[in-house]
């Protein structure tokens, strides 16, 4: 297999674009299709210490999420998300953390395809199934070494026009480790004209206060878990870097116009942990870190 590359990501984007064009015709036969959406984000997590040996690490993530409807009606909906990600990692004095080892990576590239189906078979009840195929590999890692498959099932009840609640379960495959099983709540609640709560994907929950005009304030809690396959030529050949954190942030959102929304946020990455493993998943060393500061900028476009 060839190395993970942006050229390969570009070709995949073109293929999905062709699928979307065909799918939009299916929508046209039934009803007006939902918007296409492009969400671009950059998030930086500042330097933090690994253990107490002077080793530091920072990370910078740039991602683009292309979301599109493929087909649907009043009873069902089918859509797909295609996500491209680029990580940059900054290490200092890694050989103090793992003696004799250089920094195992400087960057990583990820690509995720996530189709979702929602069925409304009973009044006010919805059943949602989602699958996910992803790769996340360091520079020089091979796609066949970093591919993972995950999926989730959820059920939601629309109590009223302002409240939807439900429960889901997500099962995430991991590199050389047991699957990660995560139950998650579904809450879509418009508390009042000013306040709302949204948590529907098992990864992010957000409390929003709508100001007058195009601005709103929000508090967000995320769950971030990633396995990165290292290069065969790295200091940890074909090893694994596993990252987990609970980013908490406060931010402001600006609805620039009906088709564009911008948001800026700052906070900390709590419960952050880095694990470094060999190819078979054997632990070499792990370290919890103090919650380093983070900042993010997000642009969301509807078409």
Protein backbone atom coordinates (compact mmCIF):
# COMPACT_ATOMS: atom_id res chain seq x y z
CA UNK A 1 0.00 0.00 0.00
CA UNK A 2 1.11 3.56 -0.62
CA UNK A 3 1.78 6.08 2.09
CA UNK A 4 -0.96 8.31 3.50
CA UNK A 5 -0.97 11.47 1.36
CA UNK A 6 -3.08 14.53 0.59
CA UNK A 7 -3.10 13.52 -3.09
CA UNK A 8 -4.94 10.34 -2.14
CA UNK A 9 -7.37 12.36 0.00
CA UNK A 10 -8.03 14.65 -2.97
CA UNK A 11 -8.91 11.73 -5.23
CA UNK A 12 -11.31 10.38 -2.59
CA UNK A 13 -12.99 13.77 -2.28
CA UNK A 14 -13.62 13.77 -6.03
CA UNK A 15 -15.15 10.28 -5.89
CA UNK A 16 -17.46 11.24 -3.02
CA UNK A 17 -18.40 14.41 -4.89
CA UNK A 18 -19.61 12.26 -7.77
CA UNK A 19 -21.67 10.13 -5.37
CA UNK A 20 -23.20 13.26 -3.82
CA UNK A 21 -24.28 14.62 -7.23
CA UNK A 22 -26.07 11.36 -7.98
CA UNK A 23 -27.61 11.21 -4.50
CA UNK A 24 -29.00 14.73 -4.73
CA UNK A 25 -31.15 13.62 -7.65
CA UNK A 26 -32.82 11.05 -5.38
CA UNK A 27 -33.67 13.83 -2.95
CA UNK A 28 -35.09 15.92 -5.78
CA UNK A 29 -37.63 13.19 -6.59
CA UNK A 30 -39.08 13.42 -3.08
CA UNK A 31 -38.51 16.81 -1.49
CA UNK A 32 -36.00 19.63 -1.18
CA UNK A 33 -32.61 18.31 -0.09
CA UNK A 34 -30.93 19.54 3.10
CA UNK A 35 -27.93 21.80 2.74
CA UNK A 36 -24.45 20.65 1.90
CA UNK A 37 -22.12 21.70 4.69
CA UNK A 38 -18.39 22.31 4.93
CA UNK A 39 -16.88 22.75 8.39
CA UNK A 40 -13.23 23.88 8.58
CA UNK A 41 -11.44 24.01 11.93
CA UNK A 42 -8.01 24.70 13.39
CA UNK A 43 -7.19 23.81 17.00
CA UNK A 44 -3.90 24.28 18.83
CA UNK A 45 -2.98 22.64 22.16
CA UNK A 46 -0.02 24.29 23.87
CA UNK A 47 3.14 22.62 25.18
CA UNK A 48 2.70 20.26 28.11
CA UNK A 49 5.09 17.96 29.97
CA UNK A 50 5.24 14.19 29.57
CA UNK A 51 6.15 12.73 33.00
CA UNK A 52 8.76 14.81 34.83
CA UNK A 53 11.82 14.52 32.62
CA UNK A 54 11.59 17.77 30.68
CA UNK A 55 9.86 16.16 27.70
CA UNK A 56 7.24 18.43 26.13
CA UNK A 57 4.65 17.97 23.42
CA UNK A 58 2.22 20.27 21.58
CA UNK A 59 -0.20 19.61 18.76
CA UNK A 60 -1.93 21.54 16.01
CA UNK A 61 -4.93 20.13 14.13
CA UNK A 62 -6.44 21.39 10.87
CA UNK A 63 -9.55 19.57 9.66
CA UNK A 64 -12.21 19.85 6.96
CA UNK A 65 -15.56 18.03 7.30
CA UNK A 66 -17.68 17.79 4.14
CA UNK A 67 -21.25 16.72 4.95
CA UNK A 68 -23.81 15.92 2.28
CA UNK A 69 -27.27 14.34 1.91
CA UNK A 70 -27.46 11.38 -0.48
CA UNK A 71 -31.14 10.43 -0.41
CA UNK A 72 -34.21 10.65 1.78
CA UNK A 73 -37.90 11.21 2.40
CA UNK A 74 -40.16 11.92 5.36
CA UNK A 75 -39.46 8.39 6.67
CA UNK A 76 -35.70 8.09 6.22
CA UNK A 77 -32.53 9.98 5.49
CA UNK A 78 -29.12 8.95 4.20
CA UNK A 79 -26.06 11.18 4.40
CA UNK A 80 -22.31 11.02 4.44
CA UNK A 81 -19.47 12.90 6.11
CA UNK A 82 -15.99 12.91 4.64
CA UNK A 83 -13.36 14.29 7.01
CA UNK A 84 -9.75 15.13 6.20
CA UNK A 85 -7.36 15.96 9.06
CA UNK A 86 -3.75 17.08 9.36
CA UNK A 87 -1.91 16.98 12.69
CA UNK A 88 1.42 18.62 13.51
CA UNK A 89 3.20 17.50 16.69
CA UNK A 90 6.00 19.34 18.41
CA UNK A 91 8.29 17.25 20.67
CA UNK A 92 11.10 18.42 22.92
CA UNK A 93 13.58 16.05 24.62
CA UNK A 94 11.64 12.87 23.79
CA UNK A 95 14.73 10.78 24.52
CA UNK A 96 14.35 11.70 28.19
CA UNK A 97 10.90 10.12 28.16
CA UNK A 98 11.98 6.99 26.25
CA UNK A 99 15.80 6.77 26.46
CA UNK A 100 17.51 6.20 23.13
CA UNK A 101 14.42 7.09 21.08
CA UNK A 102 14.01 10.14 18.88
CA UNK A 103 10.64 11.88 18.48
CA UNK A 104 8.48 9.20 16.81
CA UNK A 105 6.55 11.57 14.51
CA UNK A 106 6.22 15.19 13.46
CA UNK A 107 2.88 15.00 11.68
CA UNK A 108 -0.01 12.69 10.82
CA UNK A 109 -2.77 12.60 8.21
CA UNK A 110 -6.28 11.26 8.72
CA UNK A 111 -9.18 10.47 6.42
CA UNK A 112 -12.64 9.39 7.59
CA UNK A 113 -15.75 8.35 5.67
CA UNK A 114 -18.92 8.20 7.79
CA UNK A 115 -22.31 7.29 6.30
CA UNK A 116 -25.40 7.78 8.51
CA UNK A 117 -28.95 6.45 8.15
CA UNK A 118 -31.93 7.78 10.14
CA UNK A 119 -35.30 6.00 10.11
CA UNK A 120 -38.56 7.37 11.47
CA UNK A 121 -40.71 4.22 11.58
CA UNK A 122 -42.91 5.18 14.53
CA UNK A 123 -44.33 8.63 15.22
CA UNK A 124 -41.89 10.76 17.22
CA UNK A 125 -39.25 7.98 17.33
CA UNK A 126 -36.08 7.94 15.24
CA UNK A 127 -33.47 5.21 14.84
CA UNK A 128 -29.99 6.25 13.76
CA UNK A 129 -27.18 4.00 12.53
CA UNK A 130 -23.74 5.26 11.60
CA UNK A 131 -20.60 3.54 10.29
CA UNK A 132 -17.09 4.88 10.09
CA UNK A 133 -13.97 3.88 8.19
CA UNK A 134 -10.88 5.89 9.05
CA UNK A 135 -7.13 5.96 8.71
CA UNK A 136 -4.75 8.04 10.84
CA UNK A 137 -1.08 7.56 10.15
CA UNK A 138 2.15 9.44 10.73
CA UNK A 139 4.22 10.64 7.78
CA UNK A 140 5.42 7.48 6.04
CA UNK A 141 2.90 5.13 7.68
CA UNK A 142 1.00 2.76 5.39
CA UNK A 143 -2.77 2.81 4.98
CA UNK A 144 -3.17 -0.93 5.59
CA UNK A 145 -1.51 -0.51 9.01
CA UNK A 146 -3.75 2.34 10.17
CA UNK A 147 -7.28 1.50 8.95
CA UNK A 148 -10.02 1.23 11.59
CA UNK A 149 -13.76 0.52 11.44
CA UNK A 150 -16.29 1.84 13.96
CA UNK A 151 -20.06 2.15 14.25
CA UNK A 152 -22.90 3.39 16.42
CA UNK A 153 -26.61 2.76 17.00
CA UNK A 154 -28.98 5.20 18.67
CA UNK A 155 -32.66 5.80 19.31
CA UNK A 156 -34.21 9.24 19.93
CA UNK A 157 -37.67 10.43 20.96
CA UNK A 158 -39.08 13.84 20.00
CA UNK A 159 -40.92 14.83 23.15
CA UNK A 160 -41.94 18.16 21.61
CA UNK A 161 -40.83 20.60 18.94
CA UNK A 162 -38.22 21.93 21.38
CA UNK A 163 -36.96 18.71 23.00
CA UNK A 164 -35.45 15.52 21.57
CA UNK A 165 -33.82 12.97 23.89
CA UNK A 166 -32.26 9.58 23.29
CA UNK A 167 -29.44 7.14 23.91
CA UNK A 168 -26.78 5.63 21.71
CA UNK A 169 -23.85 3.22 21.86
CA UNK A 170 -20.66 3.60 19.86
CA UNK A 171 -18.12 0.81 19.27
CA UNK A 172 -14.67 1.98 18.13
CA UNK A 173 -12.03 -0.40 16.84
CA UNK A 174 -8.53 0.41 18.09
CA UNK A 175 -5.06 -0.51 16.90
CA UNK A 176 -3.87 -3.73 18.59
CA UNK A 177 -6.29 -3.26 21.49
CA UNK A 178 -9.81 -4.20 22.56
CA UNK A 179 -12.64 -2.12 21.06
CA UNK A 180 -13.75 0.98 22.93
CA UNK A 181 -17.48 0.82 23.84
CA UNK A 182 -19.04 4.18 24.65
CA UNK A 183 -22.70 4.84 25.56
CA UNK A 184 -23.74 8.45 24.89
CA UNK A 185 -26.80 10.64 25.45
CA UNK A 186 -28.75 12.45 22.75
CA UNK A 187 -30.12 15.84 23.83
CA UNK A 188 -31.43 18.52 21.50
CA UNK A 189 -33.22 20.98 23.76
CA UNK A 190 -34.28 24.54 23.05
CA UNK A 191 -34.73 25.60 26.66
CA UNK A 192 -35.88 29.13 25.79
CA UNK A 193 -35.38 31.77 23.12
CA UNK A 194 -31.90 32.37 24.57
CA UNK A 195 -30.70 28.98 25.87
CA UNK A 196 -30.18 25.65 24.07
CA UNK A 197 -28.32 22.37 24.61
CA UNK A 198 -27.06 20.01 21.91
CA UNK A 199 -25.31 16.64 22.27
CA UNK A 200 -25.99 14.13 19.52
CA UNK A 201 -22.78 12.44 18.37
CA UNK A 202 -21.11 10.98 21.47
CA UNK A 203 -18.15 13.31 21.06
CA UNK A 204 -19.33 16.86 21.77
CA UNK A 205 -21.85 18.53 24.06
CA UNK A 206 -22.60 22.25 23.80
CA UNK A 207 -24.57 24.74 25.91
CA UNK A 208 -25.42 27.90 23.97
CA UNK A 209 -26.62 31.34 25.05
CA UNK A 210 -28.00 33.36 22.14
CA UNK A 211 -27.24 37.07 22.36
CA UNK A 212 -29.18 39.70 20.48
CA UNK A 213 -28.19 39.94 16.84
CA UNK A 214 -25.87 37.46 15.10
CA UNK A 215 -23.76 36.52 18.15
CA UNK A 216 -23.99 33.72 20.71
CA UNK A 217 -21.83 32.37 23.54
CA UNK A 218 -21.20 28.68 24.18
CA UNK A 219 -19.54 26.20 26.53
CA UNK A 220 -18.36 22.92 24.99
CA UNK A 221 -17.20 19.57 26.36
CA UNK A 222 -15.58 17.04 24.01
CA UNK A 223 -14.25 13.50 24.16
CA UNK A 224 -11.19 13.01 21.95
CA UNK A 225 -9.64 9.56 21.43
CA UNK A 226 -7.24 8.74 18.58
CA UNK A 227 -4.83 5.98 17.57
CA UNK A 228 -1.97 7.07 15.32
CA UNK A 229 0.04 4.44 13.43
CA UNK A 230 3.71 5.36 13.36
CA UNK A 231 6.01 4.98 10.37
CA UNK A 232 8.02 1.79 9.85
CA UNK A 233 11.15 3.95 9.81
CA UNK A 234 10.37 5.86 13.03
CA UNK A 235 12.15 5.37 16.35
CA UNK A 236 9.15 3.16 17.29
CA UNK A 237 8.81 1.16 14.03
CA UNK A 238 5.13 0.72 13.10
CA UNK A 239 4.28 1.50 16.71
CA UNK A 240 1.20 3.27 18.06
CA UNK A 241 0.65 6.62 19.70
CA UNK A 242 -2.69 6.63 21.52
CA UNK A 243 -4.10 10.01 22.58
CA UNK A 244 -7.08 10.78 24.82
CA UNK A 245 -8.37 14.03 26.30
CA UNK A 246 -11.46 15.90 27.49
CA UNK A 247 -11.21 19.37 25.92
CA UNK A 248 -13.36 21.99 27.70
CA UNK A 249 -13.79 25.41 26.08
CA UNK A 250 -15.73 28.66 26.13
CA UNK A 251 -16.34 30.56 22.93
CA UNK A 252 -18.29 33.00 20.82
CA UNK A 253 -20.12 32.28 17.58
CA UNK A 254 -20.93 34.81 14.87
CA UNK A 255 -23.50 34.19 12.15
CA UNK A 256 -21.79 36.16 9.40
CA UNK A 257 -24.66 35.61 6.94
CA UNK A 258 -27.28 32.88 6.31
CA UNK A 259 -24.63 30.66 4.70
CA UNK A 260 -21.62 31.22 6.96
CA UNK A 261 -20.94 30.92 10.69
CA UNK A 262 -17.62 31.62 12.46
CA UNK A 263 -16.60 30.63 16.00
CA UNK A 264 -13.59 31.21 18.22
CA UNK A 265 -12.95 29.39 21.51
CA UNK A 266 -10.36 28.88 24.24
CA UNK A 267 -10.05 26.40 27.08
CA UNK A 268 -8.02 23.47 28.37
CA UNK A 269 -7.46 19.83 27.43
CA UNK A 270 -8.27 18.03 30.69
CA UNK A 271 -7.53 14.34 31.39
CA UNK A 272 -5.00 14.37 28.53
CA UNK A 273 -2.93 11.22 28.14
CA UNK A 274 -0.33 10.00 25.64
CA UNK A 275 0.51 6.29 25.33
CA UNK A 276 3.33 4.92 23.21
CA UNK A 277 3.15 1.25 22.21
CA UNK A 278 5.03 -1.17 19.98
CA UNK A 279 3.52 -2.67 16.84
CA UNK A 280 1.72 -5.44 18.77
CA UNK A 281 0.24 -2.99 21.27
CA UNK A 282 2.72 -3.63 24.05
CA UNK A 283 3.01 -0.57 26.31
CA UNK A 284 6.36 1.21 26.19
CA UNK A 285 5.38 4.19 28.32
CA UNK A 286 2.35 6.37 29.09
CA UNK A 287 1.92 9.75 30.72
CA UNK A 288 -0.96 11.86 31.93
CA UNK A 289 -0.41 15.60 31.51
CA UNK A 290 -1.70 18.72 33.15
CA UNK A 291 -4.55 20.37 31.27
CA UNK A 292 -2.72 22.54 28.72
CA UNK A 293 -4.39 25.63 27.20
CA UNK A 294 -6.07 25.26 23.82
CA UNK A 295 -7.52 27.61 21.22
CA UNK A 296 -9.66 27.00 18.17
CA UNK A 297 -11.13 28.75 15.15
CA UNK A 298 -14.01 27.28 13.15
CA UNK A 299 -15.80 28.26 9.93
CA UNK A 300 -19.02 26.57 8.83
CA UNK A 301 -20.52 27.00 5.33
CA UNK A 302 -23.93 25.89 4.03
CA UNK A 303 -24.77 25.57 0.34
